[in-house]
C-alpha atoms as a PDB file:
ATOM      1  CA  MET A   1    -103.030 130.417  -5.328  1.00  0.00           C
ATOM      2  CA  TYR A   2    -104.609 131.702  -8.537  1.00  0.00           C
ATOM      3  CA  LEU A   3    -107.047 128.798  -8.768  1.00  0.00           C
ATOM      4  CA  PHE A   4    -108.021 129.069  -5.095  1.00  0.00           C
ATOM      5  CA  THR A   5    -108.612 132.838  -5.364  1.00  0.00           C
ATOM      6  CA  LYS A   6    -110.521 132.345  -8.606  1.00  0.00           C
ATOM      7  CA  ARG A   7    -112.818 129.716  -7.082  1.00  0.00           C
ATOM      8  CA  ILE A   8    -113.590 131.822  -3.992  1.00  0.00           C
ATOM      9  CA  PHE A   9    -114.274 134.846  -6.204  1.00  0.00           C
ATOM     10  CA  ASP A  10    -116.475 132.810  -8.580  1.00  0.00           C
ATOM     11  CA  ALA A  11    -118.570 131.261  -5.813  1.00  0.00           C
ATOM     12  CA  THR A  12    -118.996 134.557  -3.959  1.00  0.00           C
ATOM     13  CA  VAL A  13    -119.951 136.604  -7.021  1.00  0.00           C
ATOM     14  CA  ALA A  14    -122.278 133.871  -8.309  1.00  0.00           C
ATOM     15  CA  ALA A  15    -124.062 133.569  -4.938  1.00  0.00           C
ATOM     16  CA  ILE A  16    -124.557 137.347  -4.624  1.00  0.00           C
ATOM     17  CA  ALA A  17    -125.644 137.686  -8.252  1.00  0.00           C
ATOM     18  CA  LEU A  18    -128.170 134.831  -7.967  1.00  0.00           C
ATOM     19  CA  VAL A  19    -129.754 136.460  -4.916  1.00  0.00           C
ATOM     20  CA  LEU A  20    -129.843 139.955  -6.452  1.00  0.00           C
ATOM     21  CA  LEU A  21    -131.073 138.694  -9.822  1.00  0.00           C
ATOM     22  CA  SER A  22    -133.700 136.290  -8.455  1.00  0.00           C
ATOM     23  CA  PRO A  23    -136.577 138.773  -9.117  1.00  0.00           C
ATOM     24  CA  LEU A  24    -135.359 139.101 -12.725  1.00  0.00           C
ATOM     25  CA  PHE A  25    -135.208 135.308 -13.013  1.00  0.00           C
ATOM     26  CA  VAL A  26    -138.854 135.119 -11.907  1.00  0.00           C
ATOM     27  CA  VAL A  27    -139.936 137.791 -14.405  1.00  0.00           C
ATOM     28  CA  ILE A  28    -138.074 136.130 -17.284  1.00  0.00           C
ATOM     29  CA  GLY A  29    -139.542 132.759 -16.283  1.00  0.00           C
ATOM     30  CA  ILE A  30    -143.075 134.178 -16.386  1.00  0.00           C
ATOM     31  CA  PHE A  31    -142.502 135.715 -19.829  1.00  0.00           C
ATOM     32  CA  ILE A  32    -141.170 132.395 -21.156  1.00  0.00           C
ATOM     33  CA  LEU A  33    -144.179 130.520 -19.749  1.00  0.00           C
ATOM     34  CA  PHE A  34    -146.670 132.926 -21.333  1.00  0.00           C
ATOM     35  CA  ASP A  35    -144.758 132.945 -24.616  1.00  0.00           C
ATOM     36  CA  SER A  36    -144.116 129.236 -25.168  1.00  0.00           C
ATOM     37  CA  GLY A  37    -144.890 127.283 -21.987  1.00  0.00           C
ATOM     38  CA  PHE A  38    -142.629 124.916 -20.078  1.00  0.00           C
ATOM     39  CA  PRO A  39    -139.776 124.336 -19.498  1.00  0.00           C
ATOM     40  CA  VAL A  40    -138.287 127.656 -18.456  1.00  0.00           C
ATOM     41  CA  PHE A  41    -134.706 126.373 -18.414  1.00  0.00           C
ATOM     42  CA  PHE A  42    -132.823 124.585 -21.168  1.00  0.00           C
ATOM     43  CA  LEU A  43    -130.137 122.162 -20.039  1.00  0.00           C
ATOM     44  CA  GLN A  44    -127.570 121.162 -22.623  1.00  0.00           C
ATOM     45  CA  LYS A  45    -124.706 118.709 -22.246  1.00  0.00           C
ATOM     46  CA  ARG A  46    -121.373 120.462 -22.694  1.00  0.00           C
ATOM     47  CA  VAL A  47    -117.798 119.259 -22.300  1.00  0.00           C
ATOM     48  CA  GLY A  48    -116.024 120.705 -19.287  1.00  0.00           C
ATOM     49  CA  LEU A  49    -112.788 120.422 -17.329  1.00  0.00           C
ATOM     50  CA  HIS A  50    -110.729 117.320 -18.259  1.00  0.00           C
ATOM     51  CA  GLN A  51    -113.347 116.444 -20.923  1.00  0.00           C
ATOM     52  CA  ARG A  52    -116.018 115.696 -18.320  1.00  0.00           C
ATOM     53  CA  PRO A  53    -119.576 116.320 -19.544  1.00  0.00           C
ATOM     54  CA  PHE A  54    -121.911 118.525 -17.507  1.00  0.00           C
ATOM     55  CA  SER A  55    -125.341 120.124 -17.904  1.00  0.00           C
ATOM     56  CA  MET A  56    -125.169 123.833 -18.685  1.00  0.00           C
ATOM     57  CA  PHE A  57    -128.134 125.993 -17.664  1.00  0.00           C
ATOM     58  CA  LYS A  58    -129.754 128.563 -19.940  1.00  0.00           C
ATOM     59  CA  PHE A  59    -133.126 130.212 -20.182  1.00  0.00           C
ATOM     60  CA  ARG A  60    -134.965 128.428 -22.983  1.00  0.00           C
ATOM     61  CA  THR A  61    -135.040 130.641 -26.064  1.00  0.00           C
ATOM     62  CA  MET A  62    -136.122 128.055 -28.631  1.00  0.00           C
ATOM     63  CA  HIS A  63    -139.238 125.994 -29.065  1.00  0.00           C
ATOM     64  CA  THR A  64    -139.076 122.682 -27.205  1.00  0.00           C
ATOM     65  CA  GLY A  65    -137.119 120.059 -29.158  1.00  0.00           C
ATOM     66  CA  ALA A  66    -135.666 122.626 -31.591  1.00  0.00           C
ATOM     67  CA  ASP A  67    -132.112 121.512 -30.754  1.00  0.00           C
ATOM     68  CA  ARG A  68    -132.813 118.219 -32.548  1.00  0.00           C
ATOM     69  CA  GLN A  69    -132.924 120.188 -35.810  1.00  0.00           C
ATOM     70  CA  GLY A  70    -129.326 121.358 -35.381  1.00  0.00           C
ATOM     71  CA  LEU A  71    -126.928 122.520 -32.691  1.00  0.00           C
ATOM     72  CA  LEU A  72    -126.021 125.857 -34.263  1.00  0.00           C
ATOM     73  CA  THR A  73    -128.251 128.922 -34.101  1.00  0.00           C
ATOM     74  CA  VAL A  74    -128.145 130.721 -37.436  1.00  0.00           C
ATOM     75  CA  GLY A  75    -128.821 134.430 -36.969  1.00  0.00           C
ATOM     76  CA  ILE A  76    -131.316 136.136 -34.698  1.00  0.00           C
ATOM     77  CA  ASP A  77    -134.133 135.307 -37.162  1.00  0.00           C
ATOM     78  CA  ASP A  78    -133.740 131.524 -36.821  1.00  0.00           C
ATOM     79  CA  ASN A  79    -137.387 130.398 -36.889  1.00  0.00           C
ATOM     80  CA  ARG A  80    -136.758 128.054 -33.957  1.00  0.00           C
ATOM     81  CA  ILE A  81    -136.240 131.022 -31.629  1.00  0.00           C
ATOM     82  CA  THR A  82    -139.294 132.152 -29.639  1.00  0.00           C
ATOM     83  CA  ARG A  83    -140.444 135.780 -29.467  1.00  0.00           C
ATOM     84  CA  ILE A  84    -139.112 136.310 -25.931  1.00  0.00           C
ATOM     85  CA  GLY A  85    -136.062 134.253 -26.919  1.00  0.00           C
ATOM     86  CA  LYS A  86    -134.985 136.891 -29.448  1.00  0.00           C
ATOM     87  CA  PHE A  87    -135.000 139.536 -26.733  1.00  0.00           C
ATOM     88  CA  LEU A  88    -133.139 137.339 -24.242  1.00  0.00           C
ATOM     89  CA  ARG A  89    -130.469 136.456 -26.787  1.00  0.00           C
ATOM     90  CA  ARG A  90    -129.976 140.049 -27.920  1.00  0.00           C
ATOM     91  CA  TYR A  91    -129.093 141.133 -24.392  1.00  0.00           C
ATOM     92  CA  LYS A  92    -127.425 137.832 -23.381  1.00  0.00           C
ATOM     93  CA  LEU A  93    -130.012 137.355 -20.628  1.00  0.00           C
ATOM     94  CA  ASP A  94    -130.404 133.689 -21.599  1.00  0.00           C
ATOM     95  CA  GLU A  95    -126.884 133.106 -20.242  1.00  0.00           C
ATOM     96  CA  LEU A  96    -127.662 134.289 -16.690  1.00  0.00           C
ATOM     97  CA  PRO A  97    -128.627 130.819 -15.345  1.00  0.00           C
ATOM     98  CA  GLN A  98    -125.026 129.763 -15.911  1.00  0.00           C
ATOM     99  CA  LEU A  99    -124.364 131.510 -12.616  1.00  0.00           C
ATOM    100  CA  ILE A 100    -125.839 128.302 -11.158  1.00  0.00           C
ATOM    101  CA  ASN A 101    -123.083 126.348 -12.905  1.00  0.00           C
ATOM    102  CA  VAL A 102    -120.491 128.760 -11.511  1.00  0.00           C
ATOM    103  CA  PHE A 103    -121.862 128.404  -7.985  1.00  0.00           C
ATOM    104  CA  ILE A 104    -121.933 124.590  -8.286  1.00  0.00           C
ATOM    105  CA  GLY A 105    -118.362 124.632  -9.534  1.00  0.00           C
ATOM    106  CA  ASN A 106    -118.463 123.112 -13.021  1.00  0.00           C
ATOM    107  CA  MET A 107    -118.005 126.537 -14.643  1.00  0.00           C
ATOM    108  CA  SER A 108    -116.114 129.741 -13.877  1.00  0.00           C
ATOM    109  CA  LEU A 109    -117.039 133.355 -14.550  1.00  0.00           C
ATOM    110  CA  VAL A 110    -114.121 133.607 -16.981  1.00  0.00           C
ATOM    111  CA  GLY A 111    -112.775 130.739 -19.043  1.00  0.00           C
ATOM    112  CA  PRO A 112    -113.077 129.144 -22.509  1.00  0.00           C
ATOM    113  CA  ARG A 113    -116.716 128.727 -23.486  1.00  0.00           C
ATOM    114  CA  PRO A 114    -117.763 125.059 -23.249  1.00  0.00           C
ATOM    115  CA  GLU A 115    -118.569 123.215 -26.450  1.00  0.00           C
ATOM    116  CA  VAL A 116    -120.839 120.262 -27.233  1.00  0.00           C
ATOM    117  CA  GLN A 117    -119.291 116.810 -27.647  1.00  0.00           C
ATOM    118  CA  LYS A 118    -119.953 116.719 -31.401  1.00  0.00           C
ATOM    119  CA  TYR A 119    -117.499 119.556 -32.025  1.00  0.00           C
ATOM    120  CA  VAL A 120    -115.026 118.619 -29.291  1.00  0.00           C
ATOM    121  CA  ASP A 121    -114.568 115.315 -31.139  1.00  0.00           C
ATOM    122  CA  LEU A 122    -113.041 117.366 -33.980  1.00  0.00           C
ATOM    123  CA  TYR A 123    -110.394 119.052 -31.782  1.00  0.00           C
ATOM    124  CA  SER A 124    -106.737 118.389 -32.455  1.00  0.00           C
ATOM    125  CA  GLU A 125    -104.455 117.315 -29.606  1.00  0.00           C
ATOM    126  CA  GLU A 126    -103.274 120.908 -29.267  1.00  0.00           C
ATOM    127  CA  GLN A 127    -106.818 122.279 -29.233  1.00  0.00           C
ATOM    128  CA  LEU A 128    -107.827 119.845 -26.489  1.00  0.00           C
ATOM    129  CA  LYS A 129    -105.628 121.861 -24.115  1.00  0.00           C
ATOM    130  CA  VAL A 130    -108.524 124.322 -23.697  1.00  0.00           C
ATOM    131  CA  LEU A 131    -110.236 121.552 -21.707  1.00  0.00           C
ATOM    132  CA  GLU A 132    -107.444 121.551 -19.126  1.00  0.00           C
ATOM    133  CA  VAL A 133    -109.111 124.540 -17.461  1.00  0.00           C
ATOM    134  CA  LYS A 134    -112.640 125.097 -16.196  1.00  0.00           C
ATOM    135  CA  PRO A 135    -114.988 126.544 -18.859  1.00  0.00           C
ATOM    136  CA  GLY A 136    -116.473 129.979 -18.285  1.00  0.00           C
ATOM    137  CA  ILE A 137    -119.436 132.233 -18.948  1.00  0.00           C
ATOM    138  CA  THR A 138    -117.231 134.693 -20.806  1.00  0.00           C
ATOM    139  CA  ASP A 139    -113.763 134.838 -22.339  1.00  0.00           C
ATOM    140  CA  PRO A 140    -111.868 136.875 -24.963  1.00  0.00           C
ATOM    141  CA  VAL A 141    -113.699 134.919 -27.669  1.00  0.00           C
ATOM    142  CA  SER A 142    -117.079 135.996 -26.294  1.00  0.00           C
ATOM    143  CA  LEU A 143    -116.014 139.612 -26.782  1.00  0.00           C
ATOM    144  CA  ALA A 144    -114.580 139.090 -30.265  1.00  0.00           C
ATOM    145  CA  PHE A 145    -117.528 136.950 -31.414  1.00  0.00           C
ATOM    146  CA  PHE A 146    -120.236 138.880 -29.560  1.00  0.00           C
ATOM    147  CA  ASN A 147    -122.685 138.408 -32.458  1.00  0.00           C
ATOM    148  CA  GLU A 148    -121.491 134.960 -33.459  1.00  0.00           C
ATOM    149  CA  ASN A 149    -124.908 133.762 -34.660  1.00  0.00           C
ATOM    150  CA  GLU A 150    -125.121 136.561 -37.211  1.00  0.00           C
ATOM    151  CA  ARG A 151    -121.597 135.781 -38.420  1.00  0.00           C
ATOM    152  CA  ILE A 152    -122.417 132.092 -38.886  1.00  0.00           C
ATOM    153  CA  ALA A 153    -125.557 133.019 -40.833  1.00  0.00           C
ATOM    154  CA  ARG A 154    -123.400 134.531 -43.588  1.00  0.00           C
ATOM    155  CA  TYR A 155    -122.074 131.130 -44.645  1.00  0.00           C
ATOM    156  CA  THR A 156    -123.805 129.128 -47.372  1.00  0.00           C
ATOM    157  CA  ASP A 157    -123.327 126.086 -45.153  1.00  0.00           C
ATOM    158  CA  PRO A 158    -123.323 127.465 -41.571  1.00  0.00           C
ATOM    159  CA  GLU A 159    -122.063 124.293 -39.927  1.00  0.00           C
ATOM    160  CA  GLU A 160    -119.206 123.880 -42.401  1.00  0.00           C
ATOM    161  CA  GLY A 161    -118.276 127.541 -41.915  1.00  0.00           C
ATOM    162  CA  TYR A 162    -118.328 127.091 -38.154  1.00  0.00           C
ATOM    163  CA  ILE A 163    -116.170 123.951 -38.199  1.00  0.00           C
ATOM    164  CA  LYS A 164    -113.617 125.133 -40.761  1.00  0.00           C
ATOM    165  CA  GLU A 165    -113.282 128.818 -39.916  1.00  0.00           C
ATOM    166  CA  VAL A 166    -115.065 130.029 -36.778  1.00  0.00           C
ATOM    167  CA  MET A 167    -114.226 127.188 -34.381  1.00  0.00           C
ATOM    168  CA  PRO A 168    -110.477 127.070 -35.209  1.00  0.00           C
ATOM    169  CA  GLU A 169    -110.210 130.839 -34.682  1.00  0.00           C
ATOM    170  CA  LYS A 170    -112.053 130.620 -31.355  1.00  0.00           C
ATOM    171  CA  LEU A 171    -109.761 127.817 -30.183  1.00  0.00           C
ATOM    172  CA  ARG A 172    -106.659 129.745 -31.273  1.00  0.00           C
ATOM    173  CA  MET A 173    -107.787 132.716 -29.192  1.00  0.00           C
ATOM    174  CA  ASN A 174    -108.551 130.532 -26.185  1.00  0.00           C
ATOM    175  CA  LEU A 175    -105.141 128.859 -26.327  1.00  0.00           C
ATOM    176  CA  GLU A 176    -103.603 132.331 -26.407  1.00  0.00           C
ATOM    177  CA  TYR A 177    -105.734 133.322 -23.390  1.00  0.00           C
ATOM    178  CA  LEU A 178    -104.431 130.315 -21.451  1.00  0.00           C
ATOM    179  CA  GLN A 179    -100.850 131.500 -21.917  1.00  0.00           C
ATOM    180  CA  HIS A 180    -101.630 134.827 -20.223  1.00  0.00           C
ATOM    181  CA  ARG A 181    -104.236 133.672 -17.722  1.00  0.00           C
ATOM    182  CA  ASN A 182    -104.199 135.425 -14.354  1.00  0.00           C
ATOM    183  CA  PHE A 183    -106.711 136.926 -11.943  1.00  0.00           C
ATOM    184  CA  SER A 184    -106.162 140.503 -13.120  1.00  0.00           C
ATOM    185  CA  ASN A 185    -106.690 139.527 -16.759  1.00  0.00           C
ATOM    186  CA  ASP A 186    -109.863 137.633 -15.824  1.00  0.00           C
ATOM    187  CA  LEU A 187    -111.284 140.695 -14.071  1.00  0.00           C
ATOM    188  CA  THR A 188    -110.548 142.815 -17.140  1.00  0.00           C
ATOM    189  CA  ILE A 189    -112.382 140.335 -19.393  1.00  0.00           C
ATOM    190  CA  LEU A 190    -115.327 140.208 -16.978  1.00  0.00           C
ATOM    191  CA  PHE A 191    -115.709 143.993 -16.824  1.00  0.00           C
ATOM    192  CA  LYS A 192    -115.293 144.329 -20.606  1.00  0.00           C
ATOM    193  CA  THR A 193    -118.074 141.799 -21.071  1.00  0.00           C
ATOM    194  CA  ILE A 194    -120.423 143.650 -18.726  1.00  0.00           C
ATOM    195  CA  LYS A 195    -119.609 146.941 -20.470  1.00  0.00           C
ATOM    196  CA  ARG A 196    -120.218 145.378 -23.897  1.00  0.00           C
ATOM    197  CA  ILE A 197    -123.641 144.057 -22.875  1.00  0.00           C
ATOM    198  CA  PHE A 198    -124.801 147.400 -21.487  1.00  0.00           C
ATOM    199  CA  SER A 199    -123.388 149.364 -24.411  1.00  0.00           C
END
């Protein structure tokens, strides 16, 4: 019953939000085009439910091809980030296109954030349990690591710091979330996320 209710809620909210936010999508798209050209969207392969890969939508905030220089974004001053990209990232507006993923059904509004294959390959058998549920736009980790890029930037070797310290903590929190997952808890996380963005 929980999964059925969750899916109906996800699809309904995503559909309404996409319609209401469509003017904002157009405005953001125009700013991106004037700032750094095409493409407006950035599609990245992430690992989803039952370890199936899918393309996750975002507004492009980096120069084209910048992801080939590394998968992690180190701080808001990463020189790969475009001018409009800094603004979009600060207010999490680059994540809005993931409502498309929610509407399609390969993501949920609330669930463990999807990771790229490179880092999923490092998961232990226990950690792989986070892939037994549909990934989401937000989760308890998103609230705790709201400024994750700035935190990663503090490490001498950002990728090593992410793999050895940040990623294990995020997975621990997500496994804990799975033990208490219910519709009421998901709504609380969703509203806390919205409040955090606007505050």
